[in-house]
Amino acid sequence: MRMKCGGGLALSTAFGAVNAFLKMRSTSS
């Protein structure tokens, strides 16, 4: 709220988390 970065925070971390899951799934298989 103070840094006015809510949209960027939501989108970028969601993007990073999905790609991290993909990497984890690929490694597991």
PDB file of all heavy atoms in Angstrom:
ATOM      1  N   MET A   1       0.830  -1.207   0.000  1.00  0.00           N
ATOM      2  CA  MET A   1       0.000   0.000   0.000  1.00  0.00           C
ATOM      3  C   MET A   1       0.863   1.255   0.000  1.00  0.00           C
ATOM      4  O   MET A   1       0.578   2.219  -0.711  1.00  0.00           O
ATOM      5  CB  MET A   1      -0.937  -0.011   1.207  1.00  0.00           C
ATOM      6  CG  MET A   1      -2.057  -1.024   1.093  1.00  0.00           C
ATOM      7  SD  MET A   1      -3.252  -0.946   2.457  1.00  0.00           S
ATOM      8  CE  MET A   1      -2.281  -1.668   3.772  1.00  0.00           C
ATOM      9  N   ARG A   2       1.929   1.232   0.772  1.00  0.00           N
ATOM     10  CA  ARG A   2       2.798   2.401   0.861  1.00  0.00           C
ATOM     11  C   ARG A   2       3.627   2.574  -0.410  1.00  0.00           C
ATOM     12  O   ARG A   2       3.850   3.695  -0.869  1.00  0.00           O
ATOM     13  CB  ARG A   2       3.705   2.239   2.083  1.00  0.00           C
ATOM     14  CG  ARG A   2       4.640   3.394   2.365  1.00  0.00           C
ATOM     15  CD  ARG A   2       5.269   3.235   3.741  1.00  0.00           C
ATOM     16  NE  ARG A   2       6.430   4.078   3.895  1.00  0.00           N
ATOM     17  CZ  ARG A   2       7.668   3.700   3.648  1.00  0.00           C
ATOM     18  NH1 ARG A   2       7.903   2.460   3.243  1.00  0.00           N
ATOM     19  NH2 ARG A   2       8.674   4.529   3.799  1.00  0.00           N
ATOM     20  N   MET A   3       4.082   1.452  -0.982  1.00  0.00           N
ATOM     21  CA  MET A   3       4.933   1.514  -2.178  1.00  0.00           C
ATOM     22  C   MET A   3       4.123   1.522  -3.470  1.00  0.00           C
ATOM     23  O   MET A   3       4.703   1.665  -4.552  1.00  0.00           O
ATOM     24  CB  MET A   3       5.902   0.339  -2.188  1.00  0.00           C
ATOM     25  CG  MET A   3       6.941   0.409  -1.085  1.00  0.00           C
ATOM     26  SD  MET A   3       8.130  -0.940  -1.231  1.00  0.00           S
ATOM     27  CE  MET A   3       9.302  -0.482   0.072  1.00  0.00           C
ATOM     28  N   LYS A   4       2.811   1.343  -3.362  1.00  0.00           N
ATOM     29  CA  LYS A   4       1.953   1.317  -4.553  1.00  0.00           C
ATOM     30  C   LYS A   4       2.468   0.299  -5.568  1.00  0.00           C
ATOM     31  O   LYS A   4       2.727   0.618  -6.730  1.00  0.00           O
ATOM     32  CB  LYS A   4       1.882   2.718  -5.180  1.00  0.00           C
ATOM     33  CG  LYS A   4       1.422   3.815  -4.234  1.00  0.00           C
ATOM     34  CD  LYS A   4      -0.015   3.603  -3.786  1.00  0.00           C
ATOM     35  CE  LYS A   4      -0.530   4.767  -2.966  1.00  0.00           C
ATOM     36  NZ  LYS A   4       0.099   4.900  -1.657  1.00  0.00           N
ATOM     37  N   CYS A   5       2.578  -0.958  -5.102  1.00  0.00           N
ATOM     38  CA  CYS A   5       3.082  -2.009  -5.991  1.00  0.00           C
ATOM     39  C   CYS A   5       2.187  -3.247  -5.946  1.00  0.00           C
ATOM     40  O   CYS A   5       2.627  -4.343  -6.286  1.00  0.00           O
ATOM     41  CB  CYS A   5       4.513  -2.389  -5.612  1.00  0.00           C
ATOM     42  SG  CYS A   5       4.703  -3.104  -3.948  1.00  0.00           S
ATOM     43  N   GLY A   6       0.913  -3.085  -5.537  1.00  0.00           N
ATOM     44  CA  GLY A   6       0.048  -4.237  -5.332  1.00  0.00           C
ATOM     45  C   GLY A   6      -0.173  -5.080  -6.567  1.00  0.00           C
ATOM     46  O   GLY A   6      -0.091  -6.314  -6.519  1.00  0.00           O
ATOM     47  N   GLY A   7      -0.476  -4.450  -7.706  1.00  0.00           N
ATOM     48  CA  GLY A   7      -0.704  -5.211  -8.937  1.00  0.00           C
ATOM     49  C   GLY A   7       0.540  -5.943  -9.391  1.00  0.00           C
ATOM     50  O   GLY A   7       0.491  -7.123  -9.745  1.00  0.00           O
ATOM     51  N   GLY A   8       1.668  -5.239  -9.372  1.00  0.00           N
ATOM     52  CA  GLY A   8       2.922  -5.859  -9.783  1.00  0.00           C
ATOM     53  C   GLY A   8       3.302  -7.005  -8.875  1.00  0.00           C
ATOM     54  O   GLY A   8       3.792  -8.048  -9.330  1.00  0.00           O
ATOM     55  N   LEU A   9       3.094  -6.822  -7.574  1.00  0.00           N
ATOM     56  CA  LEU A   9       3.402  -7.880  -6.612  1.00  0.00           C
ATOM     57  C   LEU A   9       2.547  -9.111  -6.882  1.00  0.00           C
ATOM     58  O   LEU A   9       3.045 -10.252  -6.922  1.00  0.00           O
ATOM     59  CB  LEU A   9       3.161  -7.363  -5.195  1.00  0.00           C
ATOM     60  CG  LEU A   9       3.408  -8.372  -4.082  1.00  0.00           C
ATOM     61  CD1 LEU A   9       4.881  -8.397  -3.713  1.00  0.00           C
ATOM     62  CD2 LEU A   9       2.569  -8.049  -2.859  1.00  0.00           C
ATOM     63  N   ALA A  10       1.236  -8.919  -7.068  1.00  0.00           N
ATOM     64  CA  ALA A  10       0.326 -10.043  -7.289  1.00  0.00           C
ATOM     65  C   ALA A  10       0.675 -10.793  -8.565  1.00  0.00           C
ATOM     66  O   ALA A  10       0.796 -12.027  -8.565  1.00  0.00           O
ATOM     67  CB  ALA A  10      -1.115  -9.536  -7.338  1.00  0.00           C
ATOM     68  N   LEU A  11       0.820 -10.072  -9.665  1.00  0.00           N
ATOM     69  CA  LEU A  11       1.041 -10.730 -10.952  1.00  0.00           C
ATOM     70  C   LEU A  11       2.404 -11.404 -11.022  1.00  0.00           C
ATOM     71  O   LEU A  11       2.532 -12.539 -11.493  1.00  0.00           O
ATOM     72  CB  LEU A  11       0.898  -9.720 -12.094  1.00  0.00           C
ATOM     73  CG  LEU A  11      -0.475  -9.049 -12.240  1.00  0.00           C
ATOM     74  CD1 LEU A  11      -0.490  -8.138 -13.464  1.00  0.00           C
ATOM     75  CD2 LEU A  11      -1.585 -10.078 -12.342  1.00  0.00           C
ATOM     76  N   SER A  12       3.455 -10.708 -10.566  1.00  0.00           N
ATOM     77  CA  SER A  12       4.804 -11.256 -10.717  1.00  0.00           C
ATOM     78  C   SER A  12       5.024 -12.467  -9.817  1.00  0.00           C
ATOM     79  O   SER A  12       5.631 -13.462 -10.241  1.00  0.00           O
ATOM     80  CB  SER A  12       5.851 -10.181 -10.436  1.00  0.00           C
ATOM     81  OG  SER A  12       5.763  -9.707  -9.104  1.00  0.00           O
ATOM     82  N   THR A  13       4.536 -12.417  -8.584  1.00  0.00           N
ATOM     83  CA  THR A  13       4.750 -13.557  -7.697  1.00  0.00           C
ATOM     84  C   THR A  13       3.881 -14.744  -8.100  1.00  0.00           C
ATOM     85  O   THR A  13       4.301 -15.903  -7.956  1.00  0.00           O
ATOM     86  CB  THR A  13       4.502 -13.177  -6.227  1.00  0.00           C
ATOM     87  OG1 THR A  13       3.168 -12.683  -6.066  1.00  0.00           O
ATOM     88  CG2 THR A  13       5.494 -12.121  -5.770  1.00  0.00           C
ATOM     89  N   ALA A  14       2.676 -14.491  -8.620  1.00  0.00           N
ATOM     90  CA  ALA A  14       1.855 -15.579  -9.154  1.00  0.00           C
ATOM     91  C   ALA A  14       2.566 -16.242 -10.327  1.00  0.00           C
ATOM     92  O   ALA A  14       2.599 -17.475 -10.448  1.00  0.00           O
ATOM     93  CB  ALA A  14       0.489 -15.045  -9.582  1.00  0.00           C
ATOM     94  N   PHE A  15       3.141 -15.430 -11.191  1.00  0.00           N
ATOM     95  CA  PHE A  15       3.880 -15.933 -12.347  1.00  0.00           C
ATOM     96  C   PHE A  15       5.075 -16.769 -11.887  1.00  0.00           C
ATOM     97  O   PHE A  15       5.322 -17.874 -12.380  1.00  0.00           O
ATOM     98  CB  PHE A  15       4.354 -14.746 -13.193  1.00  0.00           C
ATOM     99  CG  PHE A  15       4.924 -15.106 -14.532  1.00  0.00           C
ATOM    100  CD1 PHE A  15       4.101 -15.285 -15.630  1.00  0.00           C
ATOM    101  CD2 PHE A  15       6.296 -15.240 -14.708  1.00  0.00           C
ATOM    102  CE1 PHE A  15       4.625 -15.600 -16.873  1.00  0.00           C
ATOM    103  CE2 PHE A  15       6.831 -15.559 -15.939  1.00  0.00           C
ATOM    104  CZ  PHE A  15       5.995 -15.741 -17.029  1.00  0.00           C
ATOM    105  N   GLY A  16       5.814 -16.248 -10.907  1.00  0.00           N
ATOM    106  CA  GLY A  16       6.977 -16.962 -10.396  1.00  0.00           C
ATOM    107  C   GLY A  16       6.602 -18.263  -9.714  1.00  0.00           C
ATOM    108  O   GLY A  16       7.288 -19.283  -9.878  1.00  0.00           O
ATOM    109  N   ALA A  17       5.513 -18.267  -8.956  1.00  0.00           N
ATOM    110  CA  ALA A  17       5.093 -19.470  -8.247  1.00  0.00           C
ATOM    111  C   ALA A  17       4.640 -20.559  -9.216  1.00  0.00           C
ATOM    112  O   ALA A  17       4.945 -21.744  -9.027  1.00  0.00           O
ATOM    113  CB  ALA A  17       3.975 -19.134  -7.258  1.00  0.00           C
ATOM    114  N   VAL A  18       3.915 -20.171 -10.266  1.00  0.00           N
ATOM    115  CA  VAL A  18       3.476 -21.157 -11.264  1.00  0.00           C
ATOM    116  C   VAL A  18       4.681 -21.777 -11.971  1.00  0.00           C
ATOM    117  O   VAL A  18       4.758 -22.999 -12.158  1.00  0.00           O
ATOM    118  CB  VAL A  18       2.514 -20.513 -12.279  1.00  0.00           C
ATOM    119  CG1 VAL A  18       2.294 -21.431 -13.484  1.00  0.00           C
ATOM    120  CG2 VAL A  18       1.182 -20.192 -11.615  1.00  0.00           C
ATOM    121  N   ASN A  19       5.641 -20.963 -12.363  1.00  0.00           N
ATOM    122  CA  ASN A  19       6.826 -21.489 -13.030  1.00  0.00           C
ATOM    123  C   ASN A  19       7.649 -22.365 -12.092  1.00  0.00           C
ATOM    124  O   ASN A  19       8.262 -23.353 -12.517  1.00  0.00           O
ATOM    125  CB  ASN A  19       7.674 -20.344 -13.580  1.00  0.00           C
ATOM    126  CG  ASN A  19       7.062 -19.715 -14.821  1.00  0.00           C
ATOM    127  OD1 ASN A  19       6.291 -20.367 -15.528  1.00  0.00           O
ATOM    128  ND2 ASN A  19       7.384 -18.462 -15.081  1.00  0.00           N
ATOM    129  N   ALA A  20       7.673 -22.011 -10.800  1.00  0.00           N
ATOM    130  CA  ALA A  20       8.382 -22.852  -9.829  1.00  0.00           C
ATOM    131  C   ALA A  20       7.686 -24.204  -9.683  1.00  0.00           C
ATOM    132  O   ALA A  20       8.348 -25.247  -9.561  1.00  0.00           O
ATOM    133  CB  ALA A  20       8.449 -22.140  -8.484  1.00  0.00           C
ATOM    134  N   PHE A  21       6.350 -24.208  -9.698  1.00  0.00           N
ATOM    135  CA  PHE A  21       5.621 -25.481  -9.653  1.00  0.00           C
ATOM    136  C   PHE A  21       5.931 -26.321 -10.883  1.00  0.00           C
ATOM    137  O   PHE A  21       6.145 -27.540 -10.777  1.00  0.00           O
ATOM    138  CB  PHE A  21       4.112 -25.237  -9.550  1.00  0.00           C
ATOM    139  CG  PHE A  21       3.301 -26.489  -9.733  1.00  0.00           C
ATOM    140  CD1 PHE A  21       3.157 -27.398  -8.701  1.00  0.00           C
ATOM    141  CD2 PHE A  21       2.704 -26.775 -10.955  1.00  0.00           C
ATOM    142  CE1 PHE A  21       2.430 -28.572  -8.870  1.00  0.00           C
ATOM    143  CE2 PHE A  21       1.980 -27.941 -11.138  1.00  0.00           C
ATOM    144  CZ  PHE A  21       1.831 -28.840 -10.094  1.00  0.00           C
ATOM    145  N   LEU A  22       5.953 -25.684 -12.046  1.00  0.00           N
ATOM    146  CA  LEU A  22       6.282 -26.408 -13.280  1.00  0.00           C
ATOM    147  C   LEU A  22       7.658 -27.052 -13.186  1.00  0.00           C
ATOM    148  O   LEU A  22       7.852 -28.211 -13.583  1.00  0.00           O
ATOM    149  CB  LEU A  22       6.249 -25.448 -14.472  1.00  0.00           C
ATOM    150  CG  LEU A  22       4.948 -25.326 -15.258  1.00  0.00           C
ATOM    151  CD1 LEU A  22       5.117 -24.283 -16.357  1.00  0.00           C
ATOM    152  CD2 LEU A  22       4.548 -26.660 -15.860  1.00  0.00           C
ATOM    153  N   LYS A  23       8.619 -26.302 -12.683  1.00  0.00           N
ATOM    154  CA  LYS A  23       9.986 -26.827 -12.532  1.00  0.00           C
ATOM    155  C   LYS A  23       9.999 -27.987 -11.562  1.00  0.00           C
ATOM    156  O   LYS A  23      10.666 -29.003 -11.801  1.00  0.00           O
ATOM    157  CB  LYS A  23      10.921 -25.713 -12.063  1.00  0.00           C
ATOM    158  CG  LYS A  23      12.384 -26.128 -11.989  1.00  0.00           C
ATOM    159  CD  LYS A  23      13.252 -24.939 -11.610  1.00  0.00           C
ATOM    160  CE  LYS A  23      14.737 -25.353 -11.528  1.00  0.00           C
ATOM    161  NZ  LYS A  23      15.605 -24.204 -11.184  1.00  0.00           N
ATOM    162  N   MET A  24       9.285 -27.877 -10.442  1.00  0.00           N
ATOM    163  CA  MET A  24       9.217 -28.947  -9.465  1.00  0.00           C
ATOM    164  C   MET A  24       8.597 -30.194 -10.073  1.00  0.00           C
ATOM    165  O   MET A  24       9.099 -31.304  -9.903  1.00  0.00           O
ATOM    166  CB  MET A  24       8.403 -28.480  -8.257  1.00  0.00           C
ATOM    167  CG  MET A  24       8.288 -29.478  -7.111  1.00  0.00           C
ATOM    168  SD  MET A  24       6.967 -30.734  -7.303  1.00  0.00           S
ATOM    169  CE  MET A  24       5.508 -29.699  -7.402  1.00  0.00           C
ATOM    170  N   ARG A  25       7.510 -30.013 -10.828  1.00  0.00           N
ATOM    171  CA  ARG A  25       6.830 -31.151 -11.445  1.00  0.00           C
ATOM    172  C   ARG A  25       7.723 -31.837 -12.474  1.00  0.00           C
ATOM    173  O   ARG A  25       7.760 -33.072 -12.552  1.00  0.00           O
ATOM    174  CB  ARG A  25       5.521 -30.695 -12.104  1.00  0.00           C
ATOM    175  CG  ARG A  25       4.647 -31.839 -12.583  1.00  0.00           C
ATOM    176  CD  ARG A  25       3.364 -31.352 -13.191  1.00  0.00           C
ATOM    177  NE  ARG A  25       3.570 -30.646 -14.437  1.00  0.00           N
ATOM    178  CZ  ARG A  25       2.594 -30.300 -15.278  1.00  0.00           C
ATOM    179  NH1 ARG A  25       1.337 -30.572 -14.965  1.00  0.00           N
ATOM    180  NH2 ARG A  25       2.848 -29.659 -16.397  1.00  0.00           N
ATOM    181  N   SER A  26       8.431 -31.023 -13.240  1.00  0.00           N
ATOM    182  CA  SER A  26       9.348 -31.569 -14.238  1.00  0.00           C
ATOM    183  C   SER A  26      10.465 -32.369 -13.576  1.00  0.00           C
ATOM    184  O   SER A  26      10.832 -33.461 -14.035  1.00  0.00           O
ATOM    185  CB  SER A  26       9.937 -30.449 -15.091  1.00  0.00           C
ATOM    186  OG  SER A  26      10.896 -30.947 -15.988  1.00  0.00           O
ATOM    187  N   THR A  27      10.992 -31.851 -12.488  1.00  0.00           N
ATOM    188  CA  THR A  27      12.068 -32.546 -11.779  1.00  0.00           C
ATOM    189  C   THR A  27      11.572 -33.851 -11.170  1.00  0.00           C
ATOM    190  O   THR A  27      12.271 -34.881 -11.201  1.00  0.00           O
ATOM    191  CB  THR A  27      12.627 -31.647 -10.658  1.00  0.00           C
ATOM    192  OG1 THR A  27      13.094 -30.427 -11.239  1.00  0.00           O
ATOM    193  CG2 THR A  27      13.766 -32.324  -9.933  1.00  0.00           C
ATOM    194  N   SER A  28      10.354 -33.841 -10.655  1.00  0.00           N
ATOM    195  CA  SER A  28       9.794 -35.017 -10.010  1.00  0.00           C
ATOM    196  C   SER A  28       9.537 -36.142 -11.010  1.00  0.00           C
ATOM    197  O   SER A  28       9.645 -37.327 -10.681  1.00  0.00           O
ATOM    198  CB  SER A  28       8.468 -34.676  -9.315  1.00  0.00           C
ATOM    199  OG  SER A  28       8.693 -33.706  -8.314  1.00  0.00           O
ATOM    200  N   SER A  29       9.196 -35.767 -12.258  1.00  0.00           N
ATOM    201  CA  SER A  29       8.859 -36.783 -13.259  1.00  0.00           C
ATOM    202  C   SER A  29      10.079 -37.373 -13.942  1.00  0.00           C
ATOM    203  O   SER A  29       9.991 -38.354 -14.663  1.00  0.00           O
ATOM    204  CB  SER A  29       7.914 -36.187 -14.311  1.00  0.00           C
ATOM    205  OG  SER A  29       8.533 -35.087 -14.969  1.00  0.00           O
TER     206      SER A  29
END
